[in-house]
Amino acid sequence: MSTVYRGFDTTLERQIAVKVMHRDVAEQSEQLERFRREARAVAQLSFPYIVGVIDAGEDNGTPYIVLEFVEGETLKETIRRNGRLSPSEAVAYAIEIARALGYAHDRGIVHRDVKPQNVLVDVEGAAKVTDFGIARSLDQEGLTADGRVLGTTDYVSPEQALGHPVTGQSDLYSLGIVLFEMLTGDVPFKGDNQVAVAMKHVREEIPDVQVRRPEISTALATVVDRATAKDLSERYLDAEAMIAELEDVLVVEAARSGQATGEATAVIRTLPPKTRGRIPLRLRHSVAFFLVLAAVAVGVLALLGVFATDNTTRGTGVTKSSPPVAGLVSDSLASDAAHDFDPPPGDGAEHSDETPFVLDRDPNTTWSTETYTDKAMPKPGVGIYLDAKPGVEARSMRIKTTTPGWNGKVYVAKTGPPKDLAGWGTPVGSITSAKSTTNVPLDTAGNTYRYYLLWIEKLPPGGERVEISELELFVPRTTRR
């Protein structure tokens, strides 16, 4: 229904793509409205894994859409060139596509034509979903007549082939077929015509992916099976569920192969800290990182001879970082001293499995709040506290965050820990628009406290969560444990 041209934006001096609707098609009101609907749909979507729309309009009755130009090739061309992709790279592309679909679904848009021809792979290897030409808003009546099948039948979902209502789960089925093709180098069904192929999607189970690719893990084969389940109750309910399992599988495949290449390396860096932490260290960092690490190790070995007598610290140990105030030193805390705090009306848990990350001295691991899509917490706040058993006189708390700009307070307690915020009394410190590293003076009046609570009250501007990478308490040198 259209031709795409490479163009040049003379104002911003950049290459662009211009999709121009064929004149004879533009005379058909249904096709014209579908083309306009594509422009409206994509204009709502601004996401790293979706080709962005720049402008749309009509010139002498010919509609056009101006799109981001992506230098590279389609995923279909990538598969044809390679035959099949490594399991970790196939999973990495599936994660990026699923993230794009999930973003669109959250905004009420289902793609309805997910296939490798509609995924562009840029020169850096990242996937971008394009061609929402038959996309339809989930909250609107579409123009397509009941029973009419839209989409490429090699990837069509059973319900779409039967003319039934199409939802985000239909896109996930098509993504499951794309994943199958990335792993095996071919689509699961062949037929004499498109209708024959479509009916196989309705009536036949897809071939066992492990038979065609024996080296892939059972976990990956399970994802393919669940994504392509014909029964909607057995298929992934939403993209978020599929993404979570794909991320776990990426860890499995990277660890099994002992290497991560291509786009898998980039996607690994975007995994949640807890998931990324299960990947062997050598797969998470570059060669340059290990050269630096080796140099640091040599230096540490040399320093051990100098500081050999100072070897009695416990838990996190005492850091050599500069104290916020002269006369203070970093307190040594047990490795399990951090705990999440989510009192009513919260549900009582806030990523409790991530709390050790604030004490592991690794800036790449973080504890985070839940993600709040409305850009505001639907409760007074949430926090994380340190158990400085049996108690310390902390004068300062150092906070390192990867999401600066949030507001919060610091509370203390001698016993407990308190079950609600009121039990913590009055705050002893305050944070306004937190920086990447913030030193918070604590007004403890020379008293010893066991529990120190960082309470987060307001998300950063435009942010959906807060991430804390490190927490430290600083105490007078004379009281260091």
Protein backbone atom coordinates (compact mmCIF):
# COMPACT_ATOMS: atom_id res chain seq x y z
CA MET A 1 0.00 0.00 0.00
CA SER A 2 3.01 2.32 0.15
CA THR A 3 6.57 2.94 -0.92
CA VAL A 4 9.32 4.01 1.50
CA TYR A 5 11.96 6.45 0.32
CA ARG A 6 15.20 7.52 1.92
CA GLY A 7 15.03 11.29 2.40
CA PHE A 8 17.07 14.10 3.88
CA ASP A 9 15.84 16.61 6.45
CA THR A 10 17.41 19.88 5.30
CA THR A 11 16.51 21.67 8.52
CA LEU A 12 18.07 19.25 11.01
CA GLU A 13 20.49 17.80 8.44
CA ARG A 14 19.71 14.13 9.00
CA GLN A 15 18.55 11.18 6.95
CA ILE A 16 14.91 10.22 7.26
CA ALA A 17 12.51 7.65 5.83
CA VAL A 18 9.40 8.86 4.00
CA LYS A 19 6.52 6.42 3.58
CA VAL A 20 4.26 7.55 0.73
CA MET A 21 0.90 5.91 0.15
CA HIS A 22 0.25 4.75 -3.39
CA ARG A 23 -2.12 7.10 -5.17
CA ASP A 24 -4.53 4.37 -6.30
CA VAL A 25 -4.71 3.00 -2.75
CA ALA A 26 -5.24 6.49 -1.34
CA GLU A 27 -8.47 6.66 -3.28
CA GLN A 28 -9.86 3.78 -1.18
CA SER A 29 -11.33 5.28 1.97
CA GLU A 30 -10.65 2.21 4.13
CA GLN A 31 -6.97 2.00 3.14
CA LEU A 32 -6.56 5.75 3.52
CA GLU A 33 -7.97 5.65 7.03
CA ARG A 34 -5.72 2.71 7.91
CA PHE A 35 -2.69 4.67 6.71
CA ARG A 36 -3.73 7.69 8.79
CA ARG A 37 -4.33 5.41 11.74
CA GLU A 38 -0.76 4.11 11.43
CA ALA A 39 0.55 7.66 11.73
CA ARG A 40 -1.59 8.33 14.79
CA ALA A 41 -0.62 5.02 16.39
CA VAL A 42 3.13 5.35 15.92
CA ALA A 43 3.06 9.02 16.93
CA GLN A 44 2.03 7.85 20.43
CA LEU A 45 5.07 5.58 20.70
CA SER A 46 8.44 6.97 21.71
CA PHE A 47 10.63 4.04 22.71
CA PRO A 48 14.21 2.89 21.97
CA TYR A 49 13.04 -0.32 20.26
CA ILE A 50 10.36 1.28 18.06
CA VAL A 51 11.03 3.23 14.86
CA GLY A 52 9.84 6.74 15.69
CA VAL A 53 7.49 8.92 13.63
CA ILE A 54 8.68 12.46 12.94
CA ASP A 55 5.86 13.96 10.90
CA ALA A 56 2.78 13.06 8.88
CA GLY A 57 0.56 14.84 6.40
CA GLU A 58 -0.78 14.93 2.86
CA ASP A 59 0.67 16.53 -0.26
CA ASN A 60 -1.70 17.11 -3.14
CA GLY A 61 -3.93 14.36 -1.81
CA THR A 62 -1.08 11.87 -1.27
CA PRO A 63 -0.64 10.91 2.39
CA TYR A 64 2.86 10.43 3.79
CA ILE A 65 4.59 9.62 7.07
CA VAL A 66 8.11 10.79 7.92
CA LEU A 67 9.95 8.25 10.06
CA GLU A 68 13.27 7.82 11.80
CA PHE A 69 15.78 6.40 9.32
CA VAL A 70 17.43 3.20 10.54
CA GLU A 71 20.69 2.24 8.86
CA GLY A 72 21.00 -1.54 8.77
CA GLU A 73 18.88 -4.49 7.65
CA THR A 74 15.70 -6.31 8.59
CA LEU A 75 15.81 -9.17 11.05
CA LYS A 76 14.62 -11.41 8.18
CA GLU A 77 17.76 -10.47 6.24
CA THR A 78 19.87 -11.17 9.32
CA ILE A 79 18.36 -14.66 9.62
CA ARG A 80 18.83 -15.36 5.91
CA ARG A 81 22.46 -14.23 6.10
CA ASN A 82 23.29 -16.27 9.21
CA GLY A 83 21.02 -19.25 8.68
CA ARG A 84 20.15 -19.17 12.37
CA LEU A 85 21.25 -17.08 15.31
CA SER A 86 23.05 -18.13 18.46
CA PRO A 87 20.56 -18.88 21.25
CA SER A 88 21.67 -15.93 23.38
CA GLU A 89 21.46 -13.49 20.46
CA ALA A 90 18.02 -14.80 19.44
CA VAL A 91 16.79 -14.34 23.01
CA ALA A 92 18.30 -10.84 23.15
CA TYR A 93 16.39 -9.79 20.03
CA ALA A 94 13.21 -11.38 21.41
CA ILE A 95 13.63 -9.33 24.61
CA GLU A 96 13.97 -6.08 22.65
CA ILE A 97 10.95 -6.87 20.46
CA ALA A 98 8.89 -7.91 23.50
CA ARG A 99 9.81 -4.68 25.26
CA ALA A 100 8.63 -2.71 22.23
CA LEU A 101 5.36 -4.65 22.04
CA GLY A 102 4.79 -4.31 25.77
CA TYR A 103 5.25 -0.55 25.52
CA ALA A 104 2.72 -0.39 22.68
CA HIS A 105 0.24 -2.69 24.45
CA ASP A 106 0.39 -0.56 27.59
CA ARG A 107 -0.78 2.33 25.39
CA GLY A 108 -3.63 0.36 23.88
CA ILE A 109 -1.99 -0.49 20.56
CA VAL A 110 -1.61 -4.02 19.18
CA HIS A 111 0.74 -4.41 16.19
CA ARG A 112 -1.07 -7.34 14.48
CA ASP A 113 1.75 -8.01 11.99
CA VAL A 114 4.82 -9.00 14.02
CA LYS A 115 7.36 -10.65 11.72
CA PRO A 116 11.13 -10.36 11.16
CA GLN A 117 10.50 -8.24 8.05
CA ASN A 118 9.02 -5.61 10.40
CA VAL A 119 12.02 -5.57 12.73
CA LEU A 120 14.98 -3.43 11.71
CA VAL A 121 18.45 -4.20 13.06
CA ASP A 122 20.56 -1.05 13.18
CA VAL A 123 24.31 -0.81 12.65
CA GLU A 124 24.91 -1.21 16.38
CA GLY A 125 22.87 -4.42 16.40
CA ALA A 126 19.77 -3.19 18.25
CA ALA A 127 16.29 -4.22 17.11
CA LYS A 128 13.57 -1.67 16.29
CA VAL A 129 9.99 -2.65 15.52
CA THR A 130 8.41 -0.87 12.57
CA ASP A 131 5.37 -0.92 10.27
CA PHE A 132 2.36 -0.46 12.48
CA GLY A 133 0.41 -0.23 9.23
CA ILE A 134 -2.36 -2.56 10.39
CA ALA A 135 -2.10 -1.65 14.05
CA ARG A 136 -5.36 -1.01 15.81
CA SER A 137 -6.11 0.66 19.08
CA LEU A 138 -7.47 -1.86 21.56
CA ASP A 139 -10.07 0.59 22.80
CA GLN A 140 -11.53 1.45 19.40
CA GLU A 141 -13.66 -0.32 16.84
CA GLY A 142 -11.47 -1.15 13.86
CA LEU A 143 -12.33 -0.69 10.22
CA THR A 144 -11.56 -4.28 9.30
CA ALA A 145 -14.65 -6.35 8.62
CA ASP A 146 -15.30 -9.26 10.95
CA GLY A 147 -13.66 -12.45 9.73
CA ARG A 148 -11.04 -10.74 7.58
CA VAL A 149 -7.48 -11.87 8.29
CA LEU A 150 -4.73 -9.29 8.40
CA GLY A 151 -1.07 -10.09 8.88
CA THR A 152 1.46 -12.44 7.32
CA THR A 153 0.25 -16.02 7.74
CA ASP A 154 3.73 -17.43 8.43
CA TYR A 155 3.45 -15.71 11.82
CA VAL A 156 -0.31 -15.32 12.27
CA SER A 157 -1.92 -16.33 15.56
CA PRO A 158 -4.71 -18.94 15.52
CA GLU A 159 -7.32 -16.44 16.70
CA GLN A 160 -6.29 -13.95 14.03
CA ALA A 161 -6.41 -16.65 11.34
CA LEU A 162 -9.96 -17.45 12.43
CA GLY A 163 -11.01 -13.80 12.34
CA HIS A 164 -11.48 -13.64 16.10
CA PRO A 165 -10.63 -10.53 18.20
CA VAL A 166 -6.93 -9.74 18.22
CA THR A 167 -5.16 -8.66 21.43
CA GLY A 168 -1.63 -8.23 22.71
CA GLN A 169 -1.46 -12.01 23.21
CA SER A 170 -1.72 -12.36 19.43
CA ASP A 171 1.43 -10.28 19.03
CA LEU A 172 3.20 -12.52 21.55
CA TYR A 173 2.25 -15.62 19.53
CA SER A 174 3.78 -14.04 16.44
CA LEU A 175 6.90 -13.16 18.45
CA GLY A 176 7.12 -16.80 19.53
CA ILE A 177 7.16 -17.82 15.86
CA VAL A 178 9.84 -15.20 15.14
CA LEU A 179 11.92 -16.64 18.01
CA PHE A 180 11.43 -20.13 16.55
CA GLU A 181 12.72 -18.87 13.19
CA MET A 182 15.72 -17.12 14.76
CA LEU A 183 16.67 -20.38 16.49
CA THR A 184 16.05 -22.77 13.58
CA GLY A 185 16.53 -20.59 10.52
CA ASP A 186 13.06 -21.31 9.17
CA VAL A 187 9.36 -20.84 9.93
CA PRO A 188 7.54 -23.79 11.52
CA PHE A 189 4.87 -24.32 8.85
CA LYS A 190 4.90 -24.54 5.05
CA GLY A 191 1.92 -24.87 2.70
CA ASP A 192 0.75 -24.51 -0.87
CA ASN A 193 -0.78 -21.14 -0.11
CA GLN A 194 -1.30 -18.63 2.67
CA VAL A 195 -4.61 -20.13 3.75
CA ALA A 196 -3.02 -23.58 4.16
CA VAL A 197 -0.29 -22.10 6.35
CA ALA A 198 -2.82 -20.16 8.41
CA MET A 199 -4.85 -23.30 9.06
CA LYS A 200 -1.74 -25.12 10.30
CA HIS A 201 -1.35 -22.38 12.91
CA VAL A 202 -4.94 -23.15 13.93
CA ARG A 203 -4.81 -26.97 13.90
CA GLU A 204 -1.22 -28.14 14.34
CA GLU A 205 1.30 -27.83 17.13
CA ILE A 206 4.53 -26.19 16.06
CA PRO A 207 7.49 -28.59 15.68
CA ASP A 208 9.64 -29.22 18.75
CA VAL A 209 12.30 -26.53 18.63
CA GLN A 210 14.75 -28.73 20.57
CA VAL A 211 14.53 -31.40 17.86
CA ARG A 212 15.61 -28.83 15.28
CA ARG A 213 18.13 -27.17 17.63
CA PRO A 214 19.17 -29.74 20.27
CA GLU A 215 21.73 -27.51 22.00
CA ILE A 216 19.22 -24.96 23.28
CA SER A 217 18.10 -25.18 26.90
CA THR A 218 14.80 -26.64 28.01
CA ALA A 219 14.03 -23.24 29.55
CA LEU A 220 14.27 -21.58 26.13
CA ALA A 221 12.17 -24.29 24.48
CA THR A 222 9.55 -23.74 27.17
CA VAL A 223 9.37 -20.03 26.32
CA VAL A 224 8.78 -20.87 22.65
CA ASP A 225 6.09 -23.38 23.58
CA ARG A 226 4.30 -21.03 25.96
CA ALA A 227 4.40 -18.06 23.57
CA THR A 228 2.92 -20.16 20.76
CA ALA A 229 0.27 -21.94 22.82
CA LYS A 230 -3.02 -22.03 20.92
CA ASP A 231 -5.00 -21.88 24.17
CA LEU A 232 -4.94 -18.26 25.33
CA SER A 233 -5.08 -19.38 28.96
CA GLU A 234 -1.75 -21.19 28.46
CA ARG A 235 -0.09 -18.40 26.46
CA TYR A 236 1.71 -15.50 28.14
CA LEU A 237 -0.90 -13.11 29.48
CA ASP A 238 1.17 -10.04 28.66
CA ALA A 239 4.57 -8.96 27.37
CA GLU A 240 5.88 -8.34 30.87
CA ALA A 241 5.51 -12.01 31.78
CA MET A 242 7.26 -13.10 28.59
CA ILE A 243 10.07 -10.58 29.08
CA ALA A 244 10.74 -11.82 32.62
CA GLU A 245 11.16 -15.41 31.42
CA LEU A 246 13.24 -14.36 28.40
CA GLU A 247 15.58 -12.43 30.70
CA ASP A 248 16.02 -15.51 32.88
CA VAL A 249 16.67 -17.61 29.78
CA LEU A 250 19.30 -15.17 28.52
CA VAL A 251 21.21 -15.75 31.76
CA VAL A 252 20.91 -19.53 31.29
CA GLU A 253 22.03 -19.50 27.65
CA ALA A 254 24.94 -17.12 28.27
CA ALA A 255 26.17 -19.21 31.19
CA ARG A 256 25.78 -22.50 29.25
CA SER A 257 27.69 -21.25 26.22
CA GLY A 258 30.30 -19.41 28.28
CA GLN A 259 30.07 -16.41 25.99
CA ALA A 260 27.81 -13.53 25.02
CA THR A 261 28.17 -12.04 21.56
CA GLY A 262 26.44 -9.47 19.41
CA GLU A 263 23.30 -7.89 20.80
CA ALA A 264 23.25 -10.31 23.74
CA THR A 265 26.12 -8.34 25.29
CA ALA A 266 24.15 -5.08 25.08
CA VAL A 267 20.92 -6.61 26.42
CA ILE A 268 22.73 -8.21 29.37
CA ARG A 269 23.68 -4.70 30.52
CA THR A 270 19.97 -3.77 30.65
CA LEU A 271 18.82 -6.73 32.75
CA PRO A 272 17.52 -6.14 36.29
CA PRO A 273 20.43 -6.22 38.81
CA LYS A 274 19.24 -9.45 40.43
CA THR A 275 19.04 -11.24 37.06
CA ARG A 276 22.32 -9.78 35.77
CA GLY A 277 24.04 -10.84 38.98
CA ARG A 278 23.57 -14.52 38.06
CA ILE A 279 25.67 -14.15 34.92
CA PRO A 280 29.40 -15.01 35.30
CA LEU A 281 31.42 -11.85 35.89
CA ARG A 282 33.49 -12.31 32.75
CA LEU A 283 30.31 -12.14 30.62
CA ARG A 284 29.13 -8.91 32.25
CA HIS A 285 32.24 -6.83 31.60
CA SER A 286 34.61 -6.03 28.77
CA VAL A 287 38.25 -7.10 28.43
CA ALA A 288 39.25 -3.55 29.37
CA PHE A 289 37.40 -3.98 32.66
CA PHE A 290 39.46 -7.03 33.54
CA LEU A 291 42.72 -5.28 32.63
CA VAL A 292 41.80 -2.52 35.06
CA LEU A 293 40.73 -5.11 37.63
CA ALA A 294 44.07 -6.88 37.32
CA ALA A 295 45.93 -3.61 37.85
CA VAL A 296 43.83 -2.87 40.92
CA ALA A 297 44.48 -6.36 42.27
CA VAL A 298 48.21 -5.83 42.04
CA GLY A 299 47.84 -2.58 43.96
CA VAL A 300 45.67 -4.22 46.59
CA LEU A 301 48.19 -7.00 47.13
CA ALA A 302 50.87 -4.41 47.69
CA LEU A 303 48.69 -2.53 50.19
CA LEU A 304 47.89 -5.70 52.09
CA GLY A 305 51.46 -5.80 53.28
CA VAL A 306 51.10 -2.28 54.68
CA PHE A 307 47.69 -2.78 56.28
CA ALA A 308 48.12 -6.40 57.34
CA THR A 309 47.62 -5.51 60.98
CA ASP A 310 44.20 -3.88 60.31
CA ASN A 311 42.29 -7.07 59.49
CA THR A 312 39.63 -7.26 62.16
CA THR A 313 36.69 -5.53 60.42
CA ARG A 314 33.54 -7.52 59.73
CA GLY A 315 30.80 -7.53 57.14
CA THR A 316 31.24 -4.67 54.69
CA GLY A 317 34.51 -3.60 56.30
CA VAL A 318 35.72 -0.03 56.59
CA THR A 319 36.07 1.76 53.27
CA LYS A 320 38.93 4.04 52.34
CA SER A 321 36.49 6.54 50.82
CA SER A 322 36.76 10.12 51.97
CA PRO A 323 34.50 10.84 54.95
CA PRO A 324 31.98 13.68 54.58
CA VAL A 325 33.41 15.36 57.69
CA ALA A 326 36.87 15.14 59.25
CA GLY A 327 37.02 12.76 62.19
CA LEU A 328 34.41 10.35 60.79
CA VAL A 329 34.96 6.88 59.33
CA SER A 330 32.75 4.42 57.50
CA ASP A 331 31.09 1.94 59.86
CA SER A 332 31.38 -1.78 59.20
CA LEU A 333 27.99 -3.40 58.72
CA ALA A 334 27.04 -7.04 58.37
CA SER A 335 26.45 -8.12 54.77
CA ASP A 336 22.81 -8.86 55.60
CA ALA A 337 22.19 -5.60 57.49
CA ALA A 338 19.94 -4.00 54.87
CA HIS A 339 16.16 -4.59 54.88
CA ASP A 340 13.26 -3.21 52.85
CA PHE A 341 10.49 -1.26 54.60
CA ASP A 342 7.02 -1.00 53.04
CA PRO A 343 4.48 -0.41 55.82
CA PRO A 344 0.70 -0.10 55.27
CA PRO A 345 -0.82 0.90 52.92
CA GLY A 346 2.07 -0.86 51.18
CA ASP A 347 2.10 -4.63 50.73
CA GLY A 348 4.94 -5.21 53.19
CA ALA A 349 7.68 -5.99 50.65
CA GLU A 350 9.76 -3.83 48.33
CA HIS A 351 12.29 -5.96 46.41
CA SER A 352 13.65 -7.59 49.57
CA ASP A 353 15.88 -9.85 47.46
CA GLU A 354 17.81 -6.79 46.23
CA THR A 355 18.61 -5.23 49.63
CA PRO A 356 22.12 -6.80 49.90
CA PHE A 357 23.13 -4.80 46.82
CA VAL A 358 23.32 -1.54 48.83
CA LEU A 359 26.15 -3.02 50.92
CA ASP A 360 28.12 -5.01 48.33
CA ARG A 361 30.34 -2.10 47.27
CA ASP A 362 29.42 -2.73 43.63
CA PRO A 363 27.98 0.42 41.99
CA ASN A 364 26.50 -1.71 39.19
CA THR A 365 24.05 -3.50 41.51
CA THR A 366 21.07 -1.68 42.99
CA TRP A 367 18.08 -2.03 45.26
CA SER A 368 15.07 -0.36 43.69
CA THR A 369 11.57 0.60 44.63
CA GLU A 370 8.69 -0.84 42.67
CA THR A 371 7.98 0.77 39.29
CA TYR A 372 5.13 3.26 39.50
CA THR A 373 3.85 3.92 35.98
CA ASP A 374 1.84 6.99 36.98
CA LYS A 375 5.11 8.73 37.96
CA ALA A 376 3.97 9.01 41.58
CA MET A 377 3.87 6.59 44.49
CA PRO A 378 0.28 5.71 45.49
CA LYS A 379 1.36 5.76 49.16
CA PRO A 380 3.25 8.07 51.56
CA GLY A 381 6.58 6.46 50.79
CA VAL A 382 8.79 3.38 50.95
CA GLY A 383 12.21 2.73 52.40
CA ILE A 384 15.22 0.62 53.19
CA TYR A 385 16.86 0.47 56.63
CA LEU A 386 20.24 -0.61 58.02
CA ASP A 387 20.59 -2.74 61.14
CA ALA A 388 23.77 -1.46 62.84
CA LYS A 389 23.58 -4.07 65.61
CA PRO A 390 24.14 -3.54 68.54
CA GLY A 391 24.07 0.20 67.77
CA VAL A 392 26.22 3.11 66.58
CA GLU A 393 26.32 6.87 66.84
CA ALA A 394 26.10 7.66 63.13
CA ARG A 395 26.73 11.26 62.19
CA SER A 396 26.20 10.97 58.41
CA MET A 397 24.65 8.68 55.81
CA ARG A 398 26.13 8.49 52.32
CA ILE A 399 23.67 7.56 49.59
CA LYS A 400 24.60 6.64 46.03
CA THR A 401 21.76 6.49 43.53
CA THR A 402 21.42 5.87 39.80
CA THR A 403 18.15 7.84 39.68
CA PRO A 404 18.90 11.28 41.14
CA GLY A 405 16.23 13.90 41.84
CA TRP A 406 14.08 12.14 44.45
CA ASN A 407 13.19 13.44 47.93
CA GLY A 408 13.35 11.61 51.24
CA LYS A 409 14.22 11.58 54.94
CA VAL A 410 16.34 9.58 57.36
CA TYR A 411 14.86 8.16 60.58
CA VAL A 412 16.45 6.27 63.48
CA ALA A 413 15.29 3.82 66.15
CA LYS A 414 16.97 2.21 69.16
CA THR A 415 14.74 -0.86 69.20
CA GLY A 416 12.44 -2.62 66.80
CA PRO A 417 12.54 -2.27 63.93
CA PRO A 418 9.31 -0.21 64.06
CA LYS A 419 6.40 -1.64 62.07
CA ASP A 420 5.11 1.70 60.78
CA LEU A 421 6.58 5.12 60.02
CA ALA A 422 5.10 6.68 63.18
CA GLY A 423 7.21 4.30 65.25
CA TRP A 424 10.40 5.86 63.87
CA GLY A 425 9.67 9.24 65.47
CA THR A 426 10.95 12.45 63.91
CA PRO A 427 13.47 12.50 61.04
CA VAL A 428 17.14 13.17 61.76
CA GLY A 429 18.08 13.98 58.17
CA SER A 430 16.49 15.20 54.94
CA ILE A 431 17.17 14.73 51.22
CA THR A 432 15.87 17.18 48.62
CA SER A 433 16.55 16.36 44.97
CA ALA A 434 19.12 13.65 45.68
CA LYS A 435 22.35 13.75 43.70
CA SER A 436 24.22 10.72 42.40
CA THR A 437 26.15 10.84 45.67
CA THR A 438 24.51 12.57 48.63
CA ASN A 439 25.95 12.92 52.13
CA VAL A 440 23.14 13.43 54.65
CA PRO A 441 24.15 14.92 58.06
CA LEU A 442 22.33 13.07 60.86
CA ASP A 443 21.15 14.97 63.93
CA THR A 444 21.48 12.10 66.42
CA ALA A 445 22.61 14.37 69.31
CA GLY A 446 25.36 11.96 70.34
CA ASN A 447 22.93 9.07 70.89
CA THR A 448 23.43 5.49 69.80
CA TYR A 449 20.83 3.91 67.50
CA ARG A 450 20.56 0.44 66.03
CA TYR A 451 18.28 1.10 63.05
CA TYR A 452 18.75 3.76 60.34
CA LEU A 453 15.89 4.14 57.82
CA LEU A 454 16.18 5.82 54.43
CA TRP A 455 12.57 6.83 53.63
CA ILE A 456 11.76 7.79 50.02
CA GLU A 457 8.82 10.17 49.71
CA LYS A 458 8.88 11.45 46.13
CA LEU A 459 10.09 9.97 42.84
CA PRO A 460 12.52 11.91 40.63
CA PRO A 461 10.91 14.19 38.03
CA GLY A 462 9.57 12.02 35.21
CA GLY A 463 10.89 8.88 36.93
CA GLU A 464 8.99 5.71 37.74
CA ARG A 465 11.21 4.32 40.52
CA VAL A 466 14.24 5.02 42.72
CA GLU A 467 17.42 2.93 42.60
CA ILE A 468 19.97 2.90 45.43
CA SER A 469 23.38 1.40 44.67
CA GLU A 470 25.19 2.04 47.97
CA LEU A 471 24.46 3.08 51.56
CA GLU A 472 27.12 3.94 54.18
CA LEU A 473 26.99 5.13 57.77
CA PHE A 474 29.79 7.33 59.09
CA VAL A 475 30.64 7.33 62.78
CA PRO A 476 33.23 9.15 64.93
CA ARG A 477 36.67 7.59 64.53
CA THR A 478 36.87 7.01 68.25
CA THR A 479 33.77 4.78 68.21
CA ARG A 480 34.68 2.71 65.13
CA ARG A 481 33.95 -0.97 65.63
